[in-house]
């Protein structure tokens, strides 16, 4: 090949030249569409494909009028078939008729195999010119093309070569741009979430036109309690997957709704904090006449897609906004469903919003699901937990890290799953909340408690957890106080004097649904809340630990909790001095 200088366009005789680059590419083998054989030329490759596998690519392209991108889809589709079926390389007859869906599917613009040089050769090949005399080299070789009317001038050939090269490079760039676009689309949701989380105060007026306008009041400015951050934390998929995969939680709601379809049939239902829309869809499937799903997080746009995908859009209306501010498309609803519970039941303060919804929208005699909730306190003896969570800092790869311990006046309450075998005392009911009558102010509470040691042990911590009940009528929101204060047992304990936390909600005579988050039940994503003692209690079976438990919203962030526990140890034999101790905790 002749060597020409292009110094006027930035290339001189010392630079890499088109012909040098071409020679390098020509030495790169191209894999057959069907088998493992490789070829230096696409012409030879396609001749092999016709003879060995019965697929005439050039003729197919001409007959069907395939453009460059459709040709690329054909190559990637065939390669995908080969990757998924080891026997595909033995194909001896392959055809397409132009009606195949993949010819218009952009997914097949992404290379099926890395660095597929055949894709870059497609546009350079003059496959439609049957009168041309082709060599076995790629288009671009000056010796490749002779026409019937004589040998083209060297200048004309060079012009055609450059044009072909430019087109090939443009298509190669386009291919890379499509790959980048594909990846960018995967992360677009994440980028938008980050933007909203940090810059919502700049512009909080964007509304999905396909979701009902909430009619929110006010200027939409940031709240001092960080509520915008709270709602944004529910915009991603991970947290919703964790909640949906919690079978105790999700199946607890599902079982109540499906077991009581007569309660939901023909009713108007409000779902507060709908998330993915799962509870709304349960209600719709149970026969609700209309369901209004509300969420202030952008997850509601995915919820709408879920509703449409399941063909429930005629029943379910989605509204984006805060329940405290928005106006609903109905005046009153018959049932309010909501999965509002946080750690230790009240963390995140979402029950407050449900009570506002109740006061604004629930019709007289209406039902809330769940209908009541209960907070319990017990004590645990768990040396392993203390070593893993507290004493761990005494030696971290040979270094002391005492500063990592809670040494100040306030201790961080821990959220963890504690095994039932660690429980060392009876339980005390410290909060009983009827969702039909409770007020937001009453959710700050103080309650006395008495725990009785069930065995000789070292008590390392108090343990808090909650139960919820689902009732058919808000007039009887949950079990009786006597039932609620019965001792608990594990599910495999057949003692007739004890009631398992799970079985409590399934007694046929009470028609009561519900679930527990206690250590005696199946673990949930709420786990339990551990209040570690600074000084363990050496207790004998029958000893009592008495005290006062106080829970209130944090003054710095009302979605967080400040908790105080004062307690004293009362030995069963009356020995020892009773000393009251005071500990403060925070749940952040």
Protein backbone atom coordinates (compact mmCIF):
# COMPACT_ATOMS: atom_id res chain seq x y z
CA UNK A 1 0.00 0.00 0.00
CA UNK A 2 1.23 3.45 -0.81
CA UNK A 3 2.08 5.72 2.07
CA UNK A 4 0.71 9.26 1.88
CA UNK A 5 1.31 12.20 4.19
CA UNK A 6 -1.61 14.13 5.72
CA UNK A 7 0.35 16.82 7.47
CA UNK A 8 -2.21 19.46 6.49
CA UNK A 9 -4.81 17.72 8.65
CA UNK A 10 -2.55 17.07 11.55
CA UNK A 11 -0.82 13.87 10.42
CA UNK A 12 2.82 13.71 9.30
CA UNK A 13 5.06 10.89 8.22
CA UNK A 14 5.98 10.12 11.83
CA UNK A 15 2.38 9.63 13.00
CA UNK A 16 0.35 6.43 13.06
CA UNK A 17 -1.32 6.13 9.66
CA UNK A 18 -4.65 4.71 8.54
CA UNK A 19 -2.84 1.91 6.74
CA UNK A 20 -0.80 0.99 9.83
CA UNK A 21 -3.98 0.95 11.94
CA UNK A 22 -5.74 -1.11 9.27
CA UNK A 23 -2.98 -3.70 9.20
CA UNK A 24 -3.22 -4.03 12.96
CA UNK A 25 -6.97 -4.55 12.75
CA UNK A 26 -6.62 -7.07 9.96
CA UNK A 27 -4.51 -9.23 12.23
CA UNK A 28 -7.34 -9.37 14.78
CA UNK A 29 -9.38 -12.56 14.17
CA UNK A 30 -13.15 -12.49 13.93
CA UNK A 31 -15.13 -15.34 15.46
CA UNK A 32 -17.71 -17.18 13.39
CA UNK A 33 -21.32 -16.32 14.23
CA UNK A 34 -22.04 -19.94 15.11
CA UNK A 35 -18.90 -21.94 15.91
CA UNK A 36 -15.46 -21.32 17.39
CA UNK A 37 -13.59 -20.87 14.11
CA UNK A 38 -11.97 -17.49 13.51
CA UNK A 39 -11.22 -15.55 10.31
CA UNK A 40 -9.15 -12.54 9.32
CA UNK A 41 -11.80 -11.32 6.87
CA UNK A 42 -15.55 -10.81 7.30
CA UNK A 43 -16.08 -11.93 3.66
CA UNK A 44 -14.47 -15.29 4.36
CA UNK A 45 -16.34 -15.51 7.67
CA UNK A 46 -19.70 -15.04 5.97
CA UNK A 47 -18.79 -17.53 3.24
CA UNK A 48 -18.06 -20.07 5.97
CA UNK A 49 -21.36 -19.26 7.72
CA UNK A 50 -23.22 -19.91 4.45
CA UNK A 51 -21.47 -23.18 3.66
CA UNK A 52 -21.20 -24.69 7.17
CA UNK A 53 -24.29 -23.27 8.87
CA UNK A 54 -26.70 -22.49 6.04
CA UNK A 55 -26.94 -18.76 6.81
CA UNK A 56 -26.22 -16.35 3.94
CA UNK A 57 -25.74 -13.09 5.81
CA UNK A 58 -25.04 -10.83 2.77
CA UNK A 59 -28.05 -12.16 0.87
CA UNK A 60 -30.28 -11.90 3.96
CA UNK A 61 -29.18 -8.32 4.51
CA UNK A 62 -29.90 -7.39 0.90
CA UNK A 63 -33.21 -9.24 0.64
CA UNK A 64 -34.64 -7.86 3.87
CA UNK A 65 -33.10 -4.42 3.41
CA UNK A 66 -31.44 -4.50 6.83
CA UNK A 67 -29.71 -1.29 7.85
CA UNK A 68 -26.50 -1.14 9.84
CA UNK A 69 -28.18 -1.30 13.25
CA UNK A 70 -30.44 -4.19 12.26
CA UNK A 71 -27.39 -6.01 10.95
CA UNK A 72 -25.70 -5.41 14.27
CA UNK A 73 -28.74 -6.81 16.09
CA UNK A 74 -28.60 -9.95 13.92
CA UNK A 75 -24.95 -10.53 14.83
CA UNK A 76 -25.51 -9.99 18.55
CA UNK A 77 -28.70 -12.08 18.57
CA UNK A 78 -26.94 -15.04 16.96
CA UNK A 79 -24.00 -14.69 19.33
CA UNK A 80 -26.40 -14.59 22.30
CA UNK A 81 -28.02 -17.80 21.09
CA UNK A 82 -24.58 -19.41 20.96
CA UNK A 83 -23.72 -18.29 24.49
CA UNK A 84 -26.95 -19.75 25.89
CA UNK A 85 -26.92 -23.04 23.95
CA UNK A 86 -23.67 -25.08 23.70
CA UNK A 87 -25.14 -27.10 20.82
CA UNK A 88 -25.84 -24.00 18.75
CA UNK A 89 -22.44 -24.25 17.04
CA UNK A 90 -23.70 -27.34 15.21
CA UNK A 91 -26.54 -25.46 13.51
CA UNK A 92 -26.63 -26.28 9.80
CA UNK A 93 -29.62 -24.19 8.78
CA UNK A 94 -30.48 -20.73 10.13
CA UNK A 95 -32.75 -18.13 8.54
CA UNK A 96 -34.69 -15.01 9.44
CA UNK A 97 -37.66 -13.48 7.58
CA UNK A 98 -37.62 -9.89 8.89
CA UNK A 99 -40.52 -10.26 11.34
CA UNK A 100 -38.34 -11.13 14.33
CA UNK A 101 -38.77 -8.84 17.34
CA UNK A 102 -35.03 -8.67 18.02
CA UNK A 103 -34.50 -6.67 14.79
CA UNK A 104 -35.96 -3.65 16.59
CA UNK A 105 -34.76 -4.43 20.12
CA UNK A 106 -31.99 -2.04 21.21
CA UNK A 107 -30.84 -4.55 23.79
CA UNK A 108 -29.11 -6.31 20.89
CA UNK A 109 -27.06 -3.22 20.09
CA UNK A 110 -24.88 -4.10 23.06
CA UNK A 111 -22.09 -6.48 21.97
CA UNK A 112 -22.74 -10.05 23.05
CA UNK A 113 -18.99 -10.71 23.24
CA UNK A 114 -16.28 -8.19 24.15
CA UNK A 115 -14.37 -6.42 21.37
CA UNK A 116 -16.36 -8.02 18.56
CA UNK A 117 -14.48 -6.70 15.50
CA UNK A 118 -17.11 -8.11 13.18
CA UNK A 119 -19.48 -5.36 14.37
CA UNK A 120 -17.02 -2.69 13.28
CA UNK A 121 -16.67 -4.30 9.85
CA UNK A 122 -20.38 -4.41 9.03
CA UNK A 123 -20.70 -0.88 7.73
CA UNK A 124 -17.46 -1.03 5.76
CA UNK A 125 -18.56 -4.02 3.73
CA UNK A 126 -20.19 -3.23 0.41
CA UNK A 127 -22.51 -6.20 0.71
CA UNK A 128 -25.06 -5.01 -1.77
CA UNK A 129 -22.71 -4.53 -4.76
CA UNK A 130 -22.73 -7.90 -6.49
CA UNK A 131 -20.81 -6.49 -9.46
CA UNK A 132 -17.81 -5.55 -7.36
CA UNK A 133 -14.75 -7.71 -7.34
CA UNK A 134 -13.81 -8.17 -3.69
CA UNK A 135 -10.57 -9.26 -2.19
CA UNK A 136 -10.43 -11.10 1.13
CA UNK A 137 -9.14 -8.03 2.93
CA UNK A 138 -11.43 -5.53 4.71
CA UNK A 139 -12.73 -2.51 2.85
CA UNK A 140 -10.01 0.09 3.04
CA UNK A 141 -7.32 -1.75 1.07
CA UNK A 142 -6.42 0.22 -2.05
CA UNK A 143 -6.13 -3.00 -4.03
CA UNK A 144 -9.64 -4.24 -3.25
CA UNK A 145 -11.94 -2.70 -5.83
CA UNK A 146 -11.98 -2.67 -9.61
CA UNK A 147 -15.01 -1.51 -11.52
CA UNK A 148 -16.27 -2.49 -14.96
CA UNK A 149 -15.51 0.92 -16.39
CA UNK A 150 -11.84 0.83 -15.38
CA UNK A 151 -9.48 1.31 -12.51
CA UNK A 152 -10.45 4.13 -10.17
CA UNK A 153 -7.97 6.86 -9.62
CA UNK A 154 -5.77 6.60 -6.57
CA UNK A 155 -7.23 9.84 -5.27
CA UNK A 156 -10.78 8.55 -5.59
CA UNK A 157 -9.88 5.35 -3.78
CA UNK A 158 -8.21 7.27 -0.99
CA UNK A 159 -11.32 9.44 -0.64
CA UNK A 160 -13.54 6.39 -0.43
CA UNK A 161 -11.19 4.77 2.05
CA UNK A 162 -11.23 7.82 4.31
CA UNK A 163 -15.03 8.05 4.06
CA UNK A 164 -15.41 4.39 4.99
CA UNK A 165 -13.02 4.80 7.89
CA UNK A 166 -14.86 7.82 9.20
CA UNK A 167 -18.18 6.00 8.99
CA UNK A 168 -16.71 2.97 10.76
CA UNK A 169 -15.32 5.17 13.52
CA UNK A 170 -18.62 7.00 13.86
CA UNK A 171 -20.46 3.72 14.29
CA UNK A 172 -17.86 2.47 16.73
CA UNK A 173 -18.29 5.67 18.72
CA UNK A 174 -22.05 5.33 18.54
CA UNK A 175 -21.78 1.81 19.89
CA UNK A 176 -19.73 3.00 22.84
CA UNK A 177 -22.17 5.87 23.44
CA UNK A 178 -25.06 3.41 23.56
CA UNK A 179 -23.19 1.33 26.12
CA UNK A 180 -22.56 4.42 28.22
CA UNK A 181 -26.22 5.39 27.88
CA UNK A 182 -27.28 1.93 29.00
CA UNK A 183 -25.12 2.16 32.15
CA UNK A 184 -26.22 5.73 32.84
CA UNK A 185 -29.86 4.71 32.75
CA UNK A 186 -29.15 2.10 35.43
CA UNK A 187 -27.79 4.76 37.76
CA UNK A 188 -30.15 7.58 36.83
CA UNK A 189 -32.52 6.76 39.65
CA UNK A 190 -29.67 6.82 42.16
CA UNK A 191 -28.39 10.17 40.91
CA UNK A 192 -31.85 11.67 41.10
CA UNK A 193 -32.29 10.41 44.64
CA UNK A 194 -29.02 12.03 45.71
CA UNK A 195 -30.03 15.28 44.03
CA UNK A 196 -33.36 15.32 45.82
CA UNK A 197 -31.79 14.44 49.15
CA UNK A 198 -29.32 17.30 49.14
CA UNK A 199 -30.96 19.93 46.95
CA UNK A 200 -34.69 19.61 47.54
CA UNK A 201 -34.68 22.99 49.27
CA UNK A 202 -33.79 24.56 45.90
CA UNK A 203 -36.82 23.20 44.05
CA UNK A 204 -39.44 21.01 45.67
CA UNK A 205 -42.19 21.59 43.13
CA UNK A 206 -41.68 18.61 40.80
CA UNK A 207 -44.76 16.39 40.59
CA UNK A 208 -45.38 13.26 38.59
CA UNK A 209 -48.37 14.23 36.44
CA UNK A 210 -49.61 10.64 36.54
CA UNK A 211 -49.91 10.69 40.33
CA UNK A 212 -52.78 12.69 41.83
CA UNK A 213 -51.69 16.15 43.00
CA UNK A 214 -51.75 16.15 46.78
CA UNK A 215 -52.85 19.76 47.06
CA UNK A 216 -50.22 20.37 49.72
CA UNK A 217 -50.43 23.56 51.70
CA UNK A 218 -47.63 25.92 52.56
CA UNK A 219 -44.43 26.83 50.81
CA UNK A 220 -42.85 23.40 50.87
CA UNK A 221 -39.80 24.61 52.77
CA UNK A 222 -37.59 22.21 54.72
CA UNK A 223 -38.78 21.26 58.18
CA UNK A 224 -36.52 21.48 61.20
CA UNK A 225 -37.12 17.83 62.06
CA UNK A 226 -35.40 16.63 58.89
CA UNK A 227 -38.58 15.08 57.51
CA UNK A 228 -37.40 15.51 53.94
CA UNK A 229 -34.40 13.31 54.70
CA UNK A 230 -36.74 10.82 56.36
CA UNK A 231 -39.01 10.53 53.32
CA UNK A 232 -36.08 10.35 50.90
CA UNK A 233 -34.66 7.43 52.88
CA UNK A 234 -37.68 5.42 51.68
CA UNK A 235 -37.22 6.26 47.99
CA UNK A 236 -34.85 3.38 47.17
CA UNK A 237 -35.55 -0.31 46.60
CA UNK A 238 -33.39 -1.91 49.30
CA UNK A 239 -35.40 -0.82 52.33
CA UNK A 240 -38.66 -1.95 50.72
CA UNK A 241 -37.23 -5.32 49.76
CA UNK A 242 -36.12 -5.81 53.36
CA UNK A 243 -39.63 -5.05 54.62
CA UNK A 244 -41.40 -7.17 52.00
CA UNK A 245 -39.12 -10.12 52.72
CA UNK A 246 -40.04 -9.90 56.42
CA UNK A 247 -42.72 -12.60 56.30
CA UNK A 248 -43.98 -11.93 59.82
CA UNK A 249 -44.72 -8.35 58.81
CA UNK A 250 -46.03 -8.77 55.27
CA UNK A 251 -47.93 -11.99 55.78
CA UNK A 252 -49.40 -10.61 59.01
CA UNK A 253 -51.09 -7.83 57.04
CA UNK A 254 -51.95 -10.13 54.13
CA UNK A 255 -53.55 -12.76 56.37
CA UNK A 256 -55.69 -10.22 58.20
CA UNK A 257 -56.91 -8.64 54.96
CA UNK A 258 -57.53 -11.90 53.11
CA UNK A 259 -59.04 -13.66 56.15
CA UNK A 260 -61.53 -10.79 56.54
CA UNK A 261 -62.55 -10.02 52.98
CA UNK A 262 -66.10 -9.35 54.16
CA UNK A 263 -64.74 -6.42 56.19
CA UNK A 264 -63.02 -4.90 53.13
CA UNK A 265 -65.61 -5.73 50.45
CA UNK A 266 -67.09 -2.54 48.97
CA UNK A 267 -65.21 -0.26 51.40
CA UNK A 268 -63.07 2.84 50.83
CA UNK A 269 -59.57 2.21 52.18
CA UNK A 270 -56.75 4.67 52.93
CA UNK A 271 -53.17 3.36 52.92
CA UNK A 272 -50.89 5.77 54.81
CA UNK A 273 -47.24 5.44 53.77
CA UNK A 274 -48.03 2.99 50.98
CA UNK A 275 -44.41 2.32 49.89
CA UNK A 276 -44.48 -0.18 47.02
CA UNK A 277 -48.28 -0.38 47.25
CA UNK A 278 -48.38 -3.94 48.58
CA UNK A 279 -51.02 -3.28 51.28
CA UNK A 280 -53.16 -1.30 48.83
CA UNK A 281 -53.05 -4.20 46.38
CA UNK A 282 -53.97 -6.65 49.16
CA UNK A 283 -57.00 -4.48 49.96
CA UNK A 284 -57.99 -4.19 46.30
CA UNK A 285 -57.77 -7.95 45.83
CA UNK A 286 -59.89 -8.39 48.97
CA UNK A 287 -62.74 -6.50 47.33
CA UNK A 288 -62.29 -2.87 48.39
CA UNK A 289 -64.33 -0.51 46.20
CA UNK A 290 -61.65 2.18 46.27
CA UNK A 291 -58.16 2.39 47.75
CA UNK A 292 -56.28 5.68 48.19
CA UNK A 293 -52.54 5.11 48.59
CA UNK A 294 -50.53 7.99 50.06
CA UNK A 295 -46.77 8.41 50.35
CA UNK A 296 -44.52 11.47 50.50
CA UNK A 297 -41.52 9.52 49.18
CA UNK A 298 -40.76 9.17 45.48
CA UNK A 299 -41.30 5.43 45.86
CA UNK A 300 -44.91 6.26 45.06
CA UNK A 301 -44.04 6.53 41.36
CA UNK A 302 -42.87 2.91 41.39
CA UNK A 303 -45.96 2.00 43.41
CA UNK A 304 -48.07 3.42 40.61
CA UNK A 305 -46.20 1.28 38.08
CA UNK A 306 -46.81 -1.76 40.30
CA UNK A 307 -50.52 -0.97 40.46
CA UNK A 308 -50.78 -0.63 36.69
CA UNK A 309 -48.77 -3.79 36.07
CA UNK A 310 -51.25 -5.71 38.24
CA UNK A 311 -54.25 -4.05 36.51
CA UNK A 312 -55.57 -2.45 39.69
CA UNK A 313 -55.49 1.19 38.57
CA UNK A 314 -59.29 1.32 38.42
CA UNK A 315 -59.43 0.65 42.17
CA UNK A 316 -56.26 2.25 43.54
CA UNK A 317 -55.56 6.00 43.39
CA UNK A 318 -52.10 7.18 44.39
CA UNK A 319 -51.50 10.54 46.06
CA UNK A 320 -48.06 12.00 46.73
CA UNK A 321 -47.76 14.20 49.78
CA UNK A 322 -47.85 14.39 53.57
CA UNK A 323 -51.07 13.14 55.07
CA UNK A 324 -51.09 16.12 57.43
CA UNK A 325 -51.31 18.58 54.52
CA UNK A 326 -53.00 16.94 51.57
CA UNK A 327 -56.61 16.74 50.45
CA UNK A 328 -58.03 13.37 49.42
CA UNK A 329 -60.37 12.73 46.49
CA UNK A 330 -62.97 11.53 49.07
CA UNK A 331 -64.29 13.08 52.27
CA UNK A 332 -64.17 9.97 54.45
CA UNK A 333 -62.77 6.44 54.36
CA UNK A 334 -63.99 3.26 56.05
CA UNK A 335 -60.62 1.66 56.82
CA UNK A 336 -57.09 2.98 57.34
CA UNK A 337 -54.24 0.53 56.80
CA UNK A 338 -50.64 1.46 57.47
CA UNK A 339 -47.35 -0.20 58.26
CA UNK A 340 -46.02 2.61 60.41
CA UNK A 341 -44.08 0.77 63.13
CA UNK A 342 -40.44 1.61 63.80
CA UNK A 343 -37.81 0.22 66.15
CA UNK A 344 -39.27 -0.05 69.67
CA UNK A 345 -42.61 0.64 67.94
CA UNK A 346 -42.43 4.46 68.16
CA UNK A 347 -39.10 5.27 66.49
CA UNK A 348 -39.68 7.48 63.39
CA UNK A 349 -42.95 8.83 64.87
CA UNK A 350 -45.08 7.69 61.95
CA UNK A 351 -47.95 6.69 64.22
CA UNK A 352 -48.52 10.42 64.73
CA UNK A 353 -49.34 10.73 61.02
CA UNK A 354 -51.72 7.78 61.15
CA UNK A 355 -53.59 9.39 64.06
CA UNK A 356 -53.86 12.63 62.07
CA UNK A 357 -55.28 10.63 59.15
CA UNK A 358 -57.73 8.99 61.52
CA UNK A 359 -58.98 12.33 62.84
CA UNK A 360 -59.24 13.90 59.39
CA UNK A 361 -60.57 11.11 57.23
CA UNK A 362 -61.86 8.04 59.12
CA UNK A 363 -65.64 7.74 59.13
CA UNK A 364 -67.43 7.12 62.45
CA UNK A 365 -67.19 3.43 63.31
CA UNK A 366 -64.26 3.04 60.94
CA UNK A 367 -61.39 0.57 61.41
CA UNK A 368 -57.63 0.96 61.68
CA UNK A 369 -55.30 -1.88 60.74
CA UNK A 370 -53.46 -2.60 62.90
CA UNK A 371 -55.99 -1.65 65.56
CA UNK A 372 -53.75 -1.68 68.66
CA UNK A 373 -50.12 -2.05 69.68
CA UNK A 374 -48.22 -2.96 72.83
CA UNK A 375 -44.70 -2.37 74.14
CA UNK A 376 -43.08 -4.90 76.47
CA UNK A 377 -39.98 -4.83 78.65
CA UNK A 378 -38.02 -7.83 79.90
CA UNK A 379 -34.44 -8.58 80.97
CA UNK A 380 -31.71 -10.70 79.39
CA UNK A 381 -28.57 -12.51 80.44
CA UNK A 382 -26.27 -12.77 77.45
CA UNK A 383 -22.51 -12.83 78.01
CA UNK A 384 -21.88 -13.46 74.32
CA UNK A 385 -23.80 -10.34 73.32
CA UNK A 386 -21.87 -8.22 75.83
CA UNK A 387 -18.55 -9.57 74.58
CA UNK A 388 -19.50 -8.98 70.93
CA UNK A 389 -21.03 -5.53 71.31
CA UNK A 390 -19.41 -3.95 74.37
CA UNK A 391 -16.21 -5.74 75.36
CA UNK A 392 -15.18 -5.93 71.71
CA UNK A 393 -13.68 -2.46 72.03
CA UNK A 394 -11.30 -3.61 74.78
CA UNK A 395 -9.06 -5.30 72.20
CA UNK A 396 -9.43 -4.58 68.48
CA UNK A 397 -6.58 -6.39 66.74
CA UNK A 398 -4.52 -5.77 69.86
CA UNK A 399 -5.56 -2.11 70.33
CA UNK A 400 -7.82 -0.61 73.00
CA UNK A 401 -10.67 1.57 71.73
CA UNK A 402 -12.50 2.54 74.91
CA UNK A 403 -13.67 5.79 73.35
CA UNK A 404 -16.00 3.75 71.15
CA UNK A 405 -17.99 2.65 74.19
CA UNK A 406 -20.94 4.66 75.52
CA UNK A 407 -19.16 6.26 78.46
CA UNK A 408 -21.16 9.49 78.62
CA UNK A 409 -24.36 10.17 80.54
CA UNK A 410 -26.49 8.90 77.64
CA UNK A 411 -26.18 5.35 76.29
CA UNK A 412 -26.99 4.39 72.72
CA UNK A 413 -29.80 1.85 72.72
CA UNK A 414 -28.92 -1.04 70.42
CA UNK A 415 -31.18 -2.79 67.91
CA UNK A 416 -30.40 -6.47 67.52
CA UNK A 417 -31.93 -9.95 67.40
CA UNK A 418 -31.66 -11.60 70.80
CA UNK A 419 -32.29 -15.34 71.16
CA UNK A 420 -35.14 -16.48 73.40
CA UNK A 421 -32.68 -18.45 75.57
CA UNK A 422 -31.17 -15.14 76.74
CA UNK A 423 -34.41 -13.97 78.37
CA UNK A 424 -33.97 -14.18 82.13
CA UNK A 425 -37.13 -12.56 83.51
CA UNK A 426 -40.84 -12.18 83.07
CA UNK A 427 -42.16 -9.44 80.82
CA UNK A 428 -43.97 -6.24 81.75
CA UNK A 429 -46.50 -4.43 79.56
CA UNK A 430 -45.31 -0.80 79.63
CA UNK A 431 -47.49 0.69 76.87
CA UNK A 432 -50.93 -0.27 75.54
CA UNK A 433 -52.07 1.84 72.60
CA UNK A 434 -55.59 1.76 71.16
CA UNK A 435 -55.17 3.27 67.70
CA UNK A 436 -58.80 4.35 67.69
CA UNK A 437 -58.50 6.62 70.73
CA UNK A 438 -54.79 7.41 71.24
CA UNK A 439 -53.51 10.96 70.78
CA UNK A 440 -50.05 12.02 69.57
CA UNK A 441 -49.33 13.58 72.95
CA UNK A 442 -50.04 10.28 74.70
CA UNK A 443 -47.29 8.55 72.73
CA UNK A 444 -44.81 10.08 75.18
CA UNK A 445 -45.36 7.86 78.21
CA UNK A 446 -44.02 6.79 81.58
CA UNK A 447 -44.83 3.42 83.09
CA UNK A 448 -43.82 1.45 86.18
CA UNK A 449 -42.67 -2.14 85.76
CA UNK A 450 -41.83 -5.22 87.77
CA UNK A 451 -39.76 -8.04 86.28
CA UNK A 452 -39.36 -11.37 88.05
CA UNK A 453 -36.15 -13.36 87.46
CA UNK A 454 -37.01 -16.75 85.97
CA UNK A 455 -33.61 -18.28 86.78
CA UNK A 456 -30.33 -17.57 88.54
CA UNK A 457 -28.40 -15.33 86.17
CA UNK A 458 -26.43 -12.18 85.57
CA UNK A 459 -28.81 -9.66 84.04
CA UNK A 460 -26.84 -7.63 81.49
CA UNK A 461 -29.59 -5.55 79.87
CA UNK A 462 -33.24 -4.69 79.63
CA UNK A 463 -34.92 -5.71 76.37
CA UNK A 464 -37.82 -3.95 74.65
CA UNK A 465 -40.09 -5.18 71.86
CA UNK A 466 -43.65 -4.72 70.61
CA UNK A 467 -46.71 -6.64 69.45
CA UNK A 468 -49.52 -5.43 67.17
CA UNK A 469 -53.12 -6.62 66.91
CA UNK A 470 -55.58 -6.58 63.99
CA UNK A 471 -59.28 -6.54 64.90
CA UNK A 472 -62.43 -6.73 62.82
CA UNK A 473 -63.87 -3.84 64.81
CA UNK A 474 -62.16 -0.90 66.48
CA UNK A 475 -64.60 -1.34 69.34
CA UNK A 476 -62.51 -4.33 70.44
CA UNK A 477 -59.03 -3.40 69.21
CA UNK A 478 -57.07 -6.20 70.84
CA UNK A 479 -56.85 -8.96 73.45
CA UNK A 480 -57.87 -8.30 77.04
CA UNK A 481 -55.36 -6.88 79.49
CA UNK A 482 -55.28 -10.24 81.26
CA UNK A 483 -54.30 -12.01 78.03
CA UNK A 484 -51.69 -9.39 77.25
CA UNK A 485 -49.97 -9.85 80.60
CA UNK A 486 -49.78 -13.64 80.48
CA UNK A 487 -46.23 -15.05 80.45
CA UNK A 488 -44.91 -16.13 77.07
CA UNK A 489 -43.26 -19.29 75.90
CA UNK A 490 -41.48 -20.52 72.79
CA UNK A 491 -43.60 -22.05 70.06
CA UNK A 492 -42.36 -25.55 70.93
CA UNK A 493 -43.38 -25.21 74.61
CA UNK A 494 -46.71 -26.95 75.18
CA UNK A 495 -47.31 -25.62 78.69
CA UNK A 496 -51.03 -25.02 79.08
CA UNK A 497 -50.40 -22.17 81.51
CA UNK A 498 -48.51 -20.12 78.99
CA UNK A 499 -49.45 -18.53 75.67
CA UNK A 500 -46.99 -18.23 72.82
CA UNK A 501 -46.57 -14.77 71.35
CA UNK A 502 -47.49 -16.09 67.93
CA UNK A 503 -50.45 -18.21 69.04
CA UNK A 504 -51.93 -15.29 71.00
CA UNK A 505 -53.04 -13.72 67.72
CA UNK A 506 -54.46 -16.88 66.19
CA UNK A 507 -57.03 -17.97 68.75
CA UNK A 508 -60.22 -18.80 66.80
CA UNK A 509 -62.47 -17.67 69.62
CA UNK A 510 -61.00 -14.17 69.56
CA UNK A 511 -60.90 -13.79 65.74
CA UNK A 512 -57.72 -11.84 66.35
CA UNK A 513 -54.80 -11.47 63.98
CA UNK A 514 -51.44 -9.91 64.80
CA UNK A 515 -47.79 -10.63 65.41
CA UNK A 516 -44.98 -10.21 67.90
CA UNK A 517 -41.45 -8.88 67.46
CA UNK A 518 -40.31 -10.46 70.72
CA UNK A 519 -37.45 -12.95 71.11
CA UNK A 520 -39.95 -15.78 71.61
CA UNK A 521 -41.30 -15.31 68.06
CA UNK A 522 -39.84 -15.40 64.57
CA UNK A 523 -37.21 -12.69 64.05
CA UNK A 524 -38.36 -9.59 62.15
CA UNK A 525 -36.59 -6.62 60.60
CA UNK A 526 -37.58 -4.63 63.70
CA UNK A 527 -35.48 -7.00 65.86
CA UNK A 528 -35.50 -6.00 69.56
CA UNK A 529 -34.15 -2.95 71.41
CA UNK A 530 -31.37 -3.59 73.93
CA UNK A 531 -30.75 -1.29 76.90
CA UNK A 532 -27.37 -2.36 78.28
CA UNK A 533 -26.81 -1.87 82.02
CA UNK A 534 -23.63 -0.16 83.20
CA UNK A 535 -23.62 -2.53 86.19
CA UNK A 536 -25.04 -6.04 85.69
CA UNK A 537 -27.54 -7.38 88.24
CA UNK A 538 -26.75 -10.64 90.02
CA UNK A 539 -30.24 -12.12 90.28
CA UNK A 540 -31.61 -15.28 91.80
CA UNK A 541 -34.75 -16.97 90.56
CA UNK A 542 -37.74 -15.13 92.05
CA UNK A 543 -35.87 -11.84 92.56
CA UNK A 544 -37.63 -8.74 91.33
CA UNK A 545 -36.33 -5.79 89.33
CA UNK A 546 -38.70 -2.87 89.70
CA UNK A 547 -38.62 0.56 88.18
CA UNK A 548 -39.99 3.29 85.94
CA UNK A 549 -39.66 3.45 82.15
CA UNK A 550 -40.06 6.79 80.37
CA UNK A 551 -40.21 7.27 76.60
CA UNK A 552 -40.47 10.61 74.79
CA UNK A 553 -39.65 12.14 71.44
CA UNK A 554 -36.21 13.70 71.16
CA UNK A 555 -36.15 17.49 71.47
CA UNK A 556 -33.62 17.72 68.62
CA UNK A 557 -35.43 15.38 66.22
CA UNK A 558 -38.97 14.23 67.04
CA UNK A 559 -38.54 11.10 64.92
CA UNK A 560 -35.94 9.87 67.42
CA UNK A 561 -36.48 8.73 71.00
CA UNK A 562 -35.06 9.64 74.41
CA UNK A 563 -35.61 6.95 77.04
CA UNK A 564 -34.98 6.89 80.81
CA UNK A 565 -34.98 3.82 83.03
CA UNK A 566 -34.82 4.01 86.83
CA UNK A 567 -34.71 0.63 88.58
CA UNK A 568 -33.84 -1.22 91.74
CA UNK A 569 -33.19 -4.87 92.60
CA UNK A 570 -35.37 -6.58 95.20
CA UNK A 571 -33.86 -9.96 96.26
CA UNK A 572 -36.45 -12.62 97.01
CA UNK A 573 -34.87 -13.46 100.37
CA UNK A 574 -34.97 -9.81 101.47
CA UNK A 575 -31.22 -9.51 101.82
CA UNK A 576 -29.12 -6.69 100.41
CA UNK A 577 -29.71 -2.97 100.15
CA UNK A 578 -32.17 -1.63 97.59
CA UNK A 579 -30.54 1.16 95.60
CA UNK A 580 -32.31 2.98 92.77
CA UNK A 581 -30.21 3.55 89.68
CA UNK A 582 -30.95 5.88 86.81
CA UNK A 583 -29.91 5.34 83.18
CA UNK A 584 -30.64 7.43 80.09
CA UNK A 585 -30.69 6.09 76.54
CA UNK A 586 -31.25 7.43 73.07
CA UNK A 587 -32.53 5.63 69.98
CA UNK A 588 -31.14 7.29 66.87
